[in-house]
Amino acid sequence: MQLMVRARGSMAVAREDVRTVVAQLNPGIGLQLDAMDSQIQEILMPERLMATLSGFFGGLATLIAMVGLYGVMSYMVMRRRSEIAIRMALGADRVAVVRMVLRESAILVALGAVLGLALSVLAARWVSTLLFGLSPGDPLTLAVSAAALGVAAACASYLPARRAARVSPMMALRE
């Protein structure tokens, strides 16, 4: 049997009062007194664990996406090394080369973001029971996540873009 007692004041005083009253009625009754806060914490523990794990795996997925984009952009810069060298030999400055590489990266990220946002809205409908306080197509959440991925993509693309800008036209053309 569970009994809920609402008390004003100190929890310790309320526990002692309940124990005294129960002991007067029947000294053989065993009691386990828990505060409502601890029961709520216990009930919400699986949901908090899932939220923490989801956040961790989301961060891990972002890191893997950054490494993948870095690899793709590095490969692209390496393959286009002679083209970049010719551009620089014809007068393109380092800023223009960095801008070109970052623009191409932004196009890839924009296409991925549009596709990802569409798929996330569709997938959110299936997991809508797990979303607490959010609608499946919450625009603020989608905008913040797209912006965060855009920043991560810019960070991952900057190093290959800088490397492309440091290409020596003479060395690249000799290769």
N, C-alpha and C. Protein backbone atom coordinates (compact mmCIF):
# COMPACT_ATOMS: atom_id res chain seq x y z
N MET A 1 0.84 -1.18 0.00
CA MET A 1 0.00 0.00 0.00
C MET A 1 0.89 1.23 0.00
N GLN A 2 0.52 2.20 -0.81
CA GLN A 2 1.24 3.46 -0.84
C GLN A 2 0.36 4.55 -0.27
N LEU A 3 0.98 5.40 0.47
CA LEU A 3 0.28 6.50 1.10
C LEU A 3 1.04 7.77 0.79
N MET A 4 0.34 8.77 0.32
CA MET A 4 0.98 10.04 0.03
C MET A 4 0.56 11.04 1.10
N VAL A 5 1.54 11.72 1.65
CA VAL A 5 1.28 12.69 2.70
C VAL A 5 1.81 14.03 2.22
N ARG A 6 0.97 15.03 2.30
CA ARG A 6 1.40 16.39 1.96
C ARG A 6 1.64 17.14 3.25
N ALA A 7 2.80 17.71 3.36
CA ALA A 7 3.15 18.39 4.60
C ALA A 7 3.77 19.73 4.29
N ARG A 8 3.54 20.66 5.18
CA ARG A 8 4.18 21.96 5.07
C ARG A 8 5.29 22.01 6.11
N GLY A 9 6.40 22.59 5.70
CA GLY A 9 7.50 22.68 6.65
C GLY A 9 8.59 21.67 6.31
N SER A 10 9.33 21.28 7.32
CA SER A 10 10.48 20.40 7.15
C SER A 10 10.06 18.97 6.84
N MET A 11 10.76 18.35 5.91
CA MET A 11 10.49 16.96 5.55
C MET A 11 10.85 16.03 6.71
N ALA A 12 11.92 16.34 7.42
CA ALA A 12 12.34 15.50 8.54
C ALA A 12 11.28 15.48 9.65
N VAL A 13 10.69 16.61 9.94
CA VAL A 13 9.64 16.69 10.97
C VAL A 13 8.41 15.92 10.50
N ALA A 14 8.05 16.05 9.23
CA ALA A 14 6.89 15.34 8.70
C ALA A 14 7.11 13.83 8.77
N ARG A 15 8.32 13.35 8.46
CA ARG A 15 8.62 11.92 8.53
C ARG A 15 8.46 11.41 9.96
N GLU A 16 8.99 12.14 10.91
CA GLU A 16 8.88 11.71 12.31
C GLU A 16 7.43 11.70 12.78
N ASP A 17 6.65 12.68 12.36
CA ASP A 17 5.23 12.71 12.74
C ASP A 17 4.49 11.51 12.15
N VAL A 18 4.77 11.17 10.89
CA VAL A 18 4.12 10.02 10.26
C VAL A 18 4.54 8.74 10.97
N ARG A 19 5.81 8.58 11.26
CA ARG A 19 6.29 7.38 11.98
C ARG A 19 5.63 7.25 13.36
N THR A 20 5.48 8.35 14.04
CA THR A 20 4.86 8.34 15.38
C THR A 20 3.41 7.90 15.29
N VAL A 21 2.68 8.46 14.34
CA VAL A 21 1.25 8.12 14.20
C VAL A 21 1.08 6.65 13.82
N VAL A 22 1.91 6.17 12.87
CA VAL A 22 1.80 4.77 12.43
C VAL A 22 2.20 3.84 13.57
N ALA A 23 3.22 4.18 14.34
CA ALA A 23 3.65 3.34 15.47
C ALA A 23 2.57 3.27 16.54
N GLN A 24 1.81 4.34 16.72
CA GLN A 24 0.72 4.34 17.69
C GLN A 24 -0.41 3.42 17.23
N LEU A 25 -0.65 3.40 15.90
CA LEU A 25 -1.72 2.55 15.37
C LEU A 25 -1.33 1.08 15.42
N ASN A 26 -0.13 0.76 14.90
CA ASN A 26 0.34 -0.62 14.86
C ASN A 26 1.87 -0.59 14.79
N PRO A 27 2.55 -0.98 15.85
CA PRO A 27 4.01 -0.91 15.86
C PRO A 27 4.67 -1.90 14.89
N GLY A 28 3.95 -2.87 14.37
CA GLY A 28 4.52 -3.86 13.47
C GLY A 28 4.57 -3.43 12.01
N ILE A 29 4.03 -2.29 11.70
CA ILE A 29 4.00 -1.81 10.31
C ILE A 29 5.37 -1.21 9.97
N GLY A 30 5.96 -1.70 8.88
CA GLY A 30 7.23 -1.14 8.40
C GLY A 30 6.95 -0.01 7.42
N LEU A 31 7.75 1.02 7.49
CA LEU A 31 7.55 2.18 6.63
C LEU A 31 8.78 2.45 5.78
N GLN A 32 8.51 2.89 4.58
CA GLN A 32 9.57 3.41 3.73
C GLN A 32 9.06 4.76 3.23
N LEU A 33 9.69 5.81 3.70
CA LEU A 33 9.25 7.16 3.37
C LEU A 33 10.21 7.78 2.37
N ASP A 34 9.66 8.19 1.25
CA ASP A 34 10.44 8.85 0.21
C ASP A 34 9.80 10.20 -0.10
N ALA A 35 10.64 11.15 -0.41
CA ALA A 35 10.13 12.45 -0.84
C ALA A 35 9.66 12.35 -2.29
N MET A 36 8.71 13.19 -2.64
CA MET A 36 8.17 13.18 -3.99
C MET A 36 9.25 13.54 -5.01
N ASP A 37 10.16 14.42 -4.63
CA ASP A 37 11.24 14.81 -5.54
C ASP A 37 12.10 13.60 -5.93
N SER A 38 12.42 12.76 -4.96
CA SER A 38 13.25 11.60 -5.28
C SER A 38 12.49 10.60 -6.15
N GLN A 39 11.18 10.48 -5.95
CA GLN A 39 10.38 9.59 -6.79
C GLN A 39 10.30 10.12 -8.22
N ILE A 40 10.16 11.42 -8.36
CA ILE A 40 10.12 12.01 -9.70
C ILE A 40 11.47 11.82 -10.39
N GLN A 41 12.56 12.03 -9.66
CA GLN A 41 13.89 11.82 -10.23
C GLN A 41 14.06 10.37 -10.70
N GLU A 42 13.58 9.44 -9.93
CA GLU A 42 13.69 8.02 -10.28
C GLU A 42 12.86 7.68 -11.51
N ILE A 43 11.67 8.28 -11.60
CA ILE A 43 10.80 8.02 -12.74
C ILE A 43 11.40 8.60 -14.03
N LEU A 44 12.02 9.77 -13.93
CA LEU A 44 12.57 10.44 -15.11
C LEU A 44 13.97 9.98 -15.49
N MET A 45 14.58 9.11 -14.70
CA MET A 45 15.95 8.69 -14.97
C MET A 45 16.12 8.03 -16.35
N PRO A 46 15.24 7.12 -16.79
CA PRO A 46 15.44 6.54 -18.13
C PRO A 46 15.36 7.58 -19.25
N GLU A 47 14.43 8.54 -19.13
CA GLU A 47 14.33 9.58 -20.15
C GLU A 47 15.57 10.46 -20.16
N ARG A 48 16.09 10.80 -18.99
CA ARG A 48 17.30 11.62 -18.94
C ARG A 48 18.49 10.86 -19.49
N LEU A 49 18.55 9.57 -19.23
CA LEU A 49 19.64 8.76 -19.77
C LEU A 49 19.56 8.72 -21.29
N MET A 50 18.37 8.55 -21.84
CA MET A 50 18.20 8.55 -23.29
C MET A 50 18.58 9.90 -23.89
N ALA A 51 18.19 10.98 -23.22
CA ALA A 51 18.54 12.32 -23.72
C ALA A 51 20.04 12.53 -23.69
N THR A 52 20.70 12.08 -22.63
CA THR A 52 22.15 12.23 -22.54
C THR A 52 22.85 11.39 -23.61
N LEU A 53 22.41 10.16 -23.78
CA LEU A 53 23.00 9.31 -24.81
C LEU A 53 22.75 9.86 -26.21
N SER A 54 21.56 10.38 -26.44
CA SER A 54 21.25 10.96 -27.75
C SER A 54 22.14 12.16 -28.02
N GLY A 55 22.34 13.00 -27.01
CA GLY A 55 23.23 14.15 -27.16
C GLY A 55 24.66 13.73 -27.44
N PHE A 56 25.12 12.71 -26.73
CA PHE A 56 26.48 12.21 -26.94
C PHE A 56 26.65 11.68 -28.35
N PHE A 57 25.70 10.85 -28.80
CA PHE A 57 25.81 10.28 -30.14
C PHE A 57 25.60 11.34 -31.22
N GLY A 58 24.80 12.36 -30.94
CA GLY A 58 24.67 13.48 -31.87
C GLY A 58 25.98 14.23 -32.02
N GLY A 59 26.67 14.47 -30.90
CA GLY A 59 27.98 15.11 -30.96
C GLY A 59 28.99 14.25 -31.69
N LEU A 60 28.94 12.95 -31.44
CA LEU A 60 29.85 12.03 -32.13
C LEU A 60 29.57 12.02 -33.64
N ALA A 61 28.30 12.05 -34.02
CA ALA A 61 27.95 12.10 -35.44
C ALA A 61 28.44 13.40 -36.07
N THR A 62 28.35 14.50 -35.33
CA THR A 62 28.86 15.77 -35.86
C THR A 62 30.36 15.71 -36.07
N LEU A 63 31.07 15.11 -35.12
CA LEU A 63 32.52 14.97 -35.25
C LEU A 63 32.88 14.10 -36.45
N ILE A 64 32.16 13.01 -36.64
CA ILE A 64 32.41 12.13 -37.78
C ILE A 64 32.11 12.85 -39.09
N ALA A 65 31.04 13.66 -39.11
CA ALA A 65 30.72 14.43 -40.31
C ALA A 65 31.81 15.45 -40.61
N MET A 66 32.35 16.07 -39.55
CA MET A 66 33.44 17.03 -39.76
C MET A 66 34.68 16.35 -40.33
N VAL A 67 35.01 15.19 -39.80
CA VAL A 67 36.18 14.46 -40.31
C VAL A 67 35.94 14.04 -41.75
N GLY A 68 34.74 13.59 -42.06
CA GLY A 68 34.42 13.20 -43.43
C GLY A 68 34.49 14.37 -44.39
N LEU A 69 33.94 15.51 -43.99
CA LEU A 69 33.99 16.69 -44.86
C LEU A 69 35.43 17.17 -45.03
N TYR A 70 36.20 17.12 -43.95
CA TYR A 70 37.62 17.49 -44.04
C TYR A 70 38.34 16.58 -45.04
N GLY A 71 38.06 15.30 -44.98
CA GLY A 71 38.68 14.35 -45.92
C GLY A 71 38.28 14.61 -47.36
N VAL A 72 37.00 14.85 -47.58
CA VAL A 72 36.52 15.12 -48.93
C VAL A 72 37.14 16.40 -49.48
N MET A 73 37.15 17.44 -48.66
CA MET A 73 37.71 18.71 -49.13
C MET A 73 39.22 18.61 -49.34
N SER A 74 39.92 17.89 -48.48
CA SER A 74 41.36 17.70 -48.67
C SER A 74 41.64 16.94 -49.95
N TYR A 75 40.85 15.92 -50.22
CA TYR A 75 41.02 15.14 -51.45
C TYR A 75 40.74 16.01 -52.67
N MET A 76 39.69 16.83 -52.58
CA MET A 76 39.35 17.71 -53.70
C MET A 76 40.48 18.71 -53.95
N VAL A 77 41.03 19.28 -52.90
CA VAL A 77 42.13 20.25 -53.05
C VAL A 77 43.34 19.55 -53.66
N MET A 78 43.64 18.34 -53.21
CA MET A 78 44.79 17.61 -53.74
C MET A 78 44.60 17.31 -55.23
N ARG A 79 43.41 16.90 -55.62
CA ARG A 79 43.16 16.56 -57.02
C ARG A 79 43.19 17.79 -57.92
N ARG A 80 42.81 18.94 -57.37
CA ARG A 80 42.75 20.17 -58.17
C ARG A 80 43.97 21.05 -57.95
N ARG A 81 45.02 20.47 -57.46
CA ARG A 81 46.21 21.24 -57.13
C ARG A 81 46.78 21.98 -58.34
N SER A 82 46.86 21.31 -59.47
CA SER A 82 47.40 21.98 -60.65
C SER A 82 46.46 23.08 -61.15
N GLU A 83 45.17 22.86 -61.05
CA GLU A 83 44.21 23.91 -61.44
C GLU A 83 44.37 25.14 -60.55
N ILE A 84 44.49 24.89 -59.25
CA ILE A 84 44.67 25.99 -58.30
C ILE A 84 45.98 26.71 -58.57
N ALA A 85 47.02 25.95 -58.90
CA ALA A 85 48.32 26.56 -59.21
C ALA A 85 48.22 27.43 -60.46
N ILE A 86 47.50 26.96 -61.47
CA ILE A 86 47.32 27.76 -62.68
C ILE A 86 46.55 29.04 -62.37
N ARG A 87 45.50 28.92 -61.55
CA ARG A 87 44.74 30.11 -61.15
C ARG A 87 45.65 31.12 -60.45
N MET A 88 46.50 30.61 -59.54
CA MET A 88 47.39 31.51 -58.81
C MET A 88 48.47 32.09 -59.74
N ALA A 89 48.93 31.30 -60.70
CA ALA A 89 49.93 31.80 -61.65
C ALA A 89 49.34 32.89 -62.54
N LEU A 90 48.03 32.80 -62.78
CA LEU A 90 47.37 33.80 -63.63
C LEU A 90 46.90 35.02 -62.83
N GLY A 91 47.16 35.02 -61.53
CA GLY A 91 46.87 36.22 -60.76
C GLY A 91 45.86 36.09 -59.64
N ALA A 92 45.33 34.92 -59.42
CA ALA A 92 44.40 34.76 -58.29
C ALA A 92 45.17 34.86 -56.99
N ASP A 93 44.65 35.64 -56.06
CA ASP A 93 45.34 35.75 -54.77
C ASP A 93 44.85 34.66 -53.82
N ARG A 94 45.50 34.59 -52.67
CA ARG A 94 45.19 33.52 -51.70
C ARG A 94 43.76 33.62 -51.18
N VAL A 95 43.28 34.84 -51.00
CA VAL A 95 41.91 35.03 -50.49
C VAL A 95 40.90 34.46 -51.49
N ALA A 96 41.14 34.67 -52.77
CA ALA A 96 40.22 34.15 -53.80
C ALA A 96 40.22 32.63 -53.81
N VAL A 97 41.39 32.03 -53.59
CA VAL A 97 41.47 30.57 -53.57
C VAL A 97 40.74 30.02 -52.34
N VAL A 98 40.97 30.64 -51.18
CA VAL A 98 40.26 30.20 -49.96
C VAL A 98 38.76 30.35 -50.16
N ARG A 99 38.34 31.47 -50.71
CA ARG A 99 36.92 31.71 -50.94
C ARG A 99 36.34 30.66 -51.89
N MET A 100 37.08 30.28 -52.93
CA MET A 100 36.60 29.28 -53.90
C MET A 100 36.39 27.93 -53.21
N VAL A 101 37.37 27.51 -52.41
CA VAL A 101 37.26 26.21 -51.74
C VAL A 101 36.12 26.24 -50.71
N LEU A 102 36.02 27.33 -49.95
CA LEU A 102 34.94 27.42 -48.96
C LEU A 102 33.57 27.49 -49.63
N ARG A 103 33.48 28.13 -50.79
CA ARG A 103 32.20 28.19 -51.52
C ARG A 103 31.77 26.79 -51.96
N GLU A 104 32.72 26.02 -52.47
CA GLU A 104 32.38 24.66 -52.91
C GLU A 104 31.97 23.80 -51.72
N SER A 105 32.63 24.00 -50.61
CA SER A 105 32.24 23.28 -49.39
C SER A 105 30.85 23.70 -48.94
N ALA A 106 30.57 24.99 -49.01
CA ALA A 106 29.25 25.49 -48.59
C ALA A 106 28.14 24.92 -49.47
N ILE A 107 28.43 24.73 -50.74
CA ILE A 107 27.42 24.15 -51.64
C ILE A 107 27.12 22.71 -51.22
N LEU A 108 28.19 21.95 -50.94
CA LEU A 108 27.98 20.56 -50.47
C LEU A 108 27.19 20.52 -49.17
N VAL A 109 27.55 21.41 -48.25
CA VAL A 109 26.87 21.44 -46.95
C VAL A 109 25.42 21.88 -47.10
N ALA A 110 25.17 22.85 -47.96
CA ALA A 110 23.79 23.32 -48.17
C ALA A 110 22.92 22.21 -48.74
N LEU A 111 23.44 21.48 -49.72
CA LEU A 111 22.67 20.35 -50.27
C LEU A 111 22.41 19.30 -49.19
N GLY A 112 23.43 19.00 -48.41
CA GLY A 112 23.26 18.03 -47.32
C GLY A 112 22.29 18.52 -46.26
N ALA A 113 22.33 19.82 -45.95
CA ALA A 113 21.42 20.37 -44.94
C ALA A 113 19.97 20.32 -45.41
N VAL A 114 19.73 20.65 -46.66
CA VAL A 114 18.35 20.60 -47.18
C VAL A 114 17.83 19.17 -47.14
N LEU A 115 18.64 18.23 -47.61
CA LEU A 115 18.23 16.83 -47.58
C LEU A 115 18.06 16.33 -46.14
N GLY A 116 19.00 16.71 -45.28
CA GLY A 116 18.94 16.29 -43.88
C GLY A 116 17.75 16.87 -43.14
N LEU A 117 17.42 18.14 -43.40
CA LEU A 117 16.26 18.75 -42.75
C LEU A 117 14.97 18.07 -43.19
N ALA A 118 14.87 17.77 -44.48
CA ALA A 118 13.67 17.09 -44.97
C ALA A 118 13.54 15.70 -44.33
N LEU A 119 14.63 14.97 -44.28
CA LEU A 119 14.59 13.63 -43.68
C LEU A 119 14.34 13.70 -42.17
N SER A 120 14.87 14.72 -41.51
CA SER A 120 14.65 14.82 -40.06
C SER A 120 13.20 15.14 -39.73
N VAL A 121 12.55 15.95 -40.56
CA VAL A 121 11.13 16.24 -40.34
C VAL A 121 10.31 14.96 -40.52
N LEU A 122 10.64 14.17 -41.54
CA LEU A 122 9.93 12.90 -41.75
C LEU A 122 10.20 11.92 -40.61
N ALA A 123 11.45 11.82 -40.18
CA ALA A 123 11.79 10.89 -39.11
C ALA A 123 11.22 11.34 -37.77
N ALA A 124 11.10 12.63 -37.57
CA ALA A 124 10.58 13.14 -36.30
C ALA A 124 9.13 12.74 -36.09
N ARG A 125 8.40 12.54 -37.15
CA ARG A 125 7.01 12.11 -37.00
C ARG A 125 6.92 10.72 -36.36
N TRP A 126 7.91 9.86 -36.67
CA TRP A 126 7.90 8.52 -36.09
C TRP A 126 8.34 8.52 -34.63
N VAL A 127 9.17 9.47 -34.25
CA VAL A 127 9.66 9.50 -32.87
C VAL A 127 9.04 10.65 -32.09
N SER A 128 7.91 11.15 -32.54
CA SER A 128 7.29 12.30 -31.88
C SER A 128 6.90 12.01 -30.43
N THR A 129 6.68 10.75 -30.07
CA THR A 129 6.35 10.44 -28.68
C THR A 129 7.54 10.62 -27.76
N LEU A 130 8.75 10.61 -28.31
CA LEU A 130 9.95 10.79 -27.50
C LEU A 130 10.37 12.25 -27.39
N LEU A 131 9.71 13.14 -28.14
CA LEU A 131 10.06 14.56 -28.12
C LEU A 131 9.25 15.25 -27.03
N PHE A 132 9.92 15.73 -26.01
CA PHE A 132 9.25 16.40 -24.90
C PHE A 132 9.32 17.90 -25.11
N GLY A 133 8.17 18.54 -25.28
CA GLY A 133 8.12 19.98 -25.43
C GLY A 133 8.49 20.47 -26.81
N LEU A 134 8.58 19.60 -27.79
CA LEU A 134 8.92 19.98 -29.16
C LEU A 134 7.91 19.38 -30.12
N SER A 135 7.64 20.12 -31.17
CA SER A 135 6.85 19.54 -32.25
C SER A 135 7.81 18.88 -33.23
N PRO A 136 7.37 17.94 -34.03
CA PRO A 136 8.28 17.25 -34.95
C PRO A 136 8.99 18.16 -35.93
N GLY A 137 8.39 19.29 -36.29
CA GLY A 137 9.03 20.20 -37.23
C GLY A 137 9.34 21.54 -36.60
N ASP A 138 9.81 21.56 -35.36
CA ASP A 138 10.10 22.81 -34.64
C ASP A 138 11.12 23.64 -35.41
N PRO A 139 10.73 24.81 -35.91
CA PRO A 139 11.64 25.58 -36.77
C PRO A 139 12.88 26.09 -36.03
N LEU A 140 12.75 26.47 -34.78
CA LEU A 140 13.91 26.96 -34.04
C LEU A 140 14.96 25.87 -33.86
N THR A 141 14.52 24.67 -33.50
CA THR A 141 15.44 23.55 -33.32
C THR A 141 16.12 23.19 -34.63
N LEU A 142 15.35 23.15 -35.70
CA LEU A 142 15.93 22.83 -37.01
C LEU A 142 16.92 23.91 -37.45
N ALA A 143 16.59 25.18 -37.21
CA ALA A 143 17.49 26.27 -37.61
C ALA A 143 18.78 26.25 -36.80
N VAL A 144 18.67 26.01 -35.49
CA VAL A 144 19.87 25.96 -34.65
C VAL A 144 20.76 24.79 -35.04
N SER A 145 20.15 23.62 -35.30
CA SER A 145 20.96 22.46 -35.68
C SER A 145 21.62 22.66 -37.05
N ALA A 146 20.91 23.28 -37.98
CA ALA A 146 21.50 23.55 -39.30
C ALA A 146 22.64 24.56 -39.18
N ALA A 147 22.46 25.56 -38.33
CA ALA A 147 23.52 26.55 -38.13
C ALA A 147 24.74 25.91 -37.47
N ALA A 148 24.50 25.04 -36.49
CA ALA A 148 25.63 24.37 -35.82
C ALA A 148 26.40 23.49 -36.80
N LEU A 149 25.68 22.79 -37.64
CA LEU A 149 26.35 21.96 -38.65
C LEU A 149 27.08 22.83 -39.69
N GLY A 150 26.52 23.98 -40.00
CA GLY A 150 27.19 24.91 -40.91
C GLY A 150 28.51 25.42 -40.34
N VAL A 151 28.50 25.74 -39.06
CA VAL A 151 29.73 26.18 -38.39
C VAL A 151 30.75 25.05 -38.35
N ALA A 152 30.29 23.85 -38.03
CA ALA A 152 31.20 22.69 -38.01
C ALA A 152 31.78 22.44 -39.40
N ALA A 153 30.96 22.59 -40.43
CA ALA A 153 31.45 22.39 -41.80
C ALA A 153 32.45 23.46 -42.20
N ALA A 154 32.21 24.69 -41.78
CA ALA A 154 33.15 25.77 -42.08
C ALA A 154 34.50 25.52 -41.41
N CYS A 155 34.45 25.04 -40.17
CA CYS A 155 35.70 24.71 -39.46
C CYS A 155 36.44 23.57 -40.16
N ALA A 156 35.70 22.56 -40.60
CA ALA A 156 36.32 21.41 -41.26
C ALA A 156 36.86 21.78 -42.64
N SER A 157 36.29 22.77 -43.29
CA SER A 157 36.72 23.15 -44.64
C SER A 157 37.83 24.19 -44.64
N TYR A 158 38.02 24.86 -43.53
CA TYR A 158 38.98 25.96 -43.52
C TYR A 158 40.42 25.47 -43.71
N LEU A 159 40.79 24.38 -43.07
CA LEU A 159 42.17 23.89 -43.21
C LEU A 159 42.51 23.48 -44.65
N PRO A 160 41.67 22.71 -45.34
CA PRO A 160 41.99 22.43 -46.74
C PRO A 160 42.00 23.69 -47.61
N ALA A 161 41.14 24.66 -47.30
CA ALA A 161 41.14 25.90 -48.07
C ALA A 161 42.43 26.67 -47.86
N ARG A 162 42.90 26.70 -46.63
CA ARG A 162 44.17 27.38 -46.34
C ARG A 162 45.34 26.66 -47.01
N ARG A 163 45.28 25.34 -46.99
CA ARG A 163 46.32 24.56 -47.65
C ARG A 163 46.32 24.82 -49.15
N ALA A 164 45.13 24.97 -49.74
CA ALA A 164 45.04 25.25 -51.17
C ALA A 164 45.63 26.62 -51.49
N ALA A 165 45.44 27.57 -50.57
CA ALA A 165 45.95 28.92 -50.82
C ALA A 165 47.48 28.98 -50.71
N ARG A 166 48.08 28.02 -50.04
CA ARG A 166 49.54 28.00 -49.88
C ARG A 166 50.25 27.23 -50.99
N VAL A 167 49.49 26.75 -51.96
CA VAL A 167 50.11 25.99 -53.06
C VAL A 167 51.02 26.92 -53.83
N SER A 168 52.23 26.47 -54.01
CA SER A 168 53.20 27.21 -54.84
C SER A 168 52.93 26.86 -56.30
N PRO A 169 52.64 27.85 -57.12
CA PRO A 169 52.34 27.54 -58.52
C PRO A 169 53.48 26.78 -59.22
N MET A 170 54.70 27.15 -58.95
CA MET A 170 55.83 26.49 -59.61
C MET A 170 55.96 25.03 -59.20
N MET A 171 55.84 24.77 -57.89
CA MET A 171 55.96 23.39 -57.39
C MET A 171 54.81 22.52 -57.90
N ALA A 172 53.59 23.05 -57.89
CA ALA A 172 52.44 22.26 -58.32
C ALA A 172 52.50 21.98 -59.82
N LEU A 173 52.96 22.93 -60.60
CA LEU A 173 53.01 22.72 -62.04
C LEU A 173 54.13 21.75 -62.41
N ARG A 174 55.18 21.72 -61.62
CA ARG A 174 56.26 20.78 -61.89
C ARG A 174 55.83 19.34 -61.63
N GLU A 175 54.95 19.17 -60.68
CA GLU A 175 54.48 17.82 -60.34
C GLU A 175 53.61 17.32 -61.45
